[in-house]
Each structure stands twice: as structure tokens, then as C-alpha cells.
Amino acid sequence: MEWFEMEIESLRDIGLLQEKKKQIKDSVINPDLNWNSRMELYKQVQLINMRIEKLSYRATSC
């Protein structure tokens, strides 16, 4: 998960972050995933949401 956090923190394009989030959310419905795998994906979505929020806050506070 550490590599994912580093990747997300390096991104500054909200549109790209939203696309990544959509891809992850689409993969959650895969019936082959177990509960732990789904939880990892949900954590990734949370990280992306936090990054988007952070970038949005910076954009509005400047």
C-alpha cells in the first residue's frame, strides 16, 4: 500500500485522481475478490478522496 500512497501523493491533477478512483470502484465488484482485497481497494479510494479534498482546498484557498 505504501507504493500506492506515494503515487497518489505525487499526483496533482484532480481529474486523473477521479479517473483512478473510478477504475478502483469498478474493480470492487469483481466476484473473485475476497473481503481483504475489497478492503484494500476501499482504503485506496479513501486515500484518493483525501488527496482530492486536499488539492481542492488548496485551489480554493489561494
C-alpha atoms as a PDB file:
ATOM      1  CA  MET A   1       0.000   0.000   0.000  1.00  0.00           C
ATOM      2  CA  GLU A   2       2.957   2.311   0.578  1.00  0.00           C
ATOM      3  CA  TRP A   3       3.705   2.491  -3.161  1.00  0.00           C
ATOM      4  CA  PHE A   4       0.093   3.465  -3.802  1.00  0.00           C
ATOM      5  CA  GLU A   5       0.233   6.259  -1.208  1.00  0.00           C
ATOM      6  CA  MET A   6       3.400   7.639  -2.788  1.00  0.00           C
ATOM      7  CA  GLU A   7       1.834   7.519  -6.252  1.00  0.00           C
ATOM      8  CA  ILE A   8      -1.334   9.310  -5.111  1.00  0.00           C
ATOM      9  CA  GLU A   9       0.612  11.975  -3.205  1.00  0.00           C
ATOM     10  CA  SER A  10       2.649  12.702  -6.327  1.00  0.00           C
ATOM     11  CA  LEU A  11      -0.460  13.419  -8.424  1.00  0.00           C
ATOM     12  CA  ARG A  12      -1.794  16.958  -8.662  1.00  0.00           C
ATOM     13  CA  ASP A  13      -4.446  16.505 -11.354  1.00  0.00           C
ATOM     14  CA  ILE A  14      -7.871  16.059  -9.749  1.00  0.00           C
ATOM     15  CA  GLY A  15      -9.309  14.661 -12.979  1.00  0.00           C
ATOM     16  CA  LEU A  16      -6.668  11.940 -13.060  1.00  0.00           C
ATOM     17  CA  LEU A  17      -7.316  11.129  -9.404  1.00  0.00           C
ATOM     18  CA  GLN A  18     -11.044  10.860 -10.080  1.00  0.00           C
ATOM     19  CA  GLU A  19     -10.369   8.514 -13.002  1.00  0.00           C
ATOM     20  CA  LYS A  20      -8.171   6.299 -10.800  1.00  0.00           C
ATOM     21  CA  LYS A  21     -10.924   6.237  -8.187  1.00  0.00           C
ATOM     22  CA  LYS A  22     -13.495   5.215 -10.804  1.00  0.00           C
ATOM     23  CA  GLN A  23     -11.265   2.377 -12.018  1.00  0.00           C
ATOM     24  CA  ILE A  24     -10.833   1.087  -8.477  1.00  0.00           C
ATOM     25  CA  LYS A  25     -14.547   1.341  -7.719  1.00  0.00           C
ATOM     26  CA  ASP A  26     -15.314  -0.579 -10.917  1.00  0.00           C
ATOM     27  CA  SER A  27     -12.938  -3.363  -9.880  1.00  0.00           C
ATOM     28  CA  VAL A  28     -14.540  -3.777  -6.425  1.00  0.00           C
ATOM     29  CA  ILE A  29     -17.489  -5.621  -7.955  1.00  0.00           C
ATOM     30  CA  ASN A  30     -15.247  -8.424  -9.199  1.00  0.00           C
ATOM     31  CA  PRO A  31     -16.718 -11.611  -7.686  1.00  0.00           C
ATOM     32  CA  ASP A  32     -13.267 -13.185  -7.450  1.00  0.00           C
ATOM     33  CA  LEU A  33     -12.117 -10.681  -4.815  1.00  0.00           C
ATOM     34  CA  ASN A  34     -12.131 -11.709  -1.199  1.00  0.00           C
ATOM     35  CA  TRP A  35     -13.088  -9.446   1.681  1.00  0.00           C
ATOM     36  CA  ASN A  36      -9.482  -8.388   2.421  1.00  0.00           C
ATOM     37  CA  SER A  37      -8.861  -7.429  -1.188  1.00  0.00           C
ATOM     38  CA  ARG A  38     -12.005  -5.328  -1.234  1.00  0.00           C
ATOM     39  CA  MET A  39     -10.945  -3.583   1.968  1.00  0.00           C
ATOM     40  CA  GLU A  40      -7.612  -2.649   0.375  1.00  0.00           C
ATOM     41  CA  LEU A  41      -9.454  -1.164  -2.576  1.00  0.00           C
ATOM     42  CA  TYR A  42     -11.732   0.827  -0.268  1.00  0.00           C
ATOM     43  CA  LYS A  43      -8.652   2.146   1.543  1.00  0.00           C
ATOM     44  CA  GLN A  44      -7.212   3.226  -1.794  1.00  0.00           C
ATOM     45  CA  VAL A  45     -10.425   5.089  -2.606  1.00  0.00           C
ATOM     46  CA  GLN A  46     -10.253   6.807   0.786  1.00  0.00           C
ATOM     47  CA  LEU A  47      -6.681   7.919   0.091  1.00  0.00           C
ATOM     48  CA  ILE A  48      -7.705   9.306  -3.267  1.00  0.00           C
ATOM     49  CA  ASN A  49     -10.650  11.134  -1.704  1.00  0.00           C
ATOM     50  CA  MET A  50      -8.366  12.700   0.897  1.00  0.00           C
ATOM     51  CA  ARG A  51      -5.915  13.781  -1.810  1.00  0.00           C
ATOM     52  CA  ILE A  52      -8.702  15.308  -3.913  1.00  0.00           C
ATOM     53  CA  GLU A  53     -10.002  17.142  -0.858  1.00  0.00           C
ATOM     54  CA  LYS A  54      -6.525  18.440  -0.060  1.00  0.00           C
ATOM     55  CA  LEU A  55      -5.959  19.655  -3.615  1.00  0.00           C
ATOM     56  CA  SER A  56      -9.430  21.212  -3.787  1.00  0.00           C
ATOM     57  CA  TYR A  57      -8.837  23.054  -0.527  1.00  0.00           C
ATOM     58  CA  ARG A  58      -5.551  24.450  -1.820  1.00  0.00           C
ATOM     59  CA  ALA A  59      -7.197  25.587  -5.043  1.00  0.00           C
ATOM     60  CA  THR A  60      -9.942  27.471  -3.214  1.00  0.00           C
ATOM     61  CA  SER A  61      -7.705  28.976  -0.540  1.00  0.00           C
ATOM     62  CA  CYS A  62      -5.223  30.566  -2.958  1.00  0.00           C
END
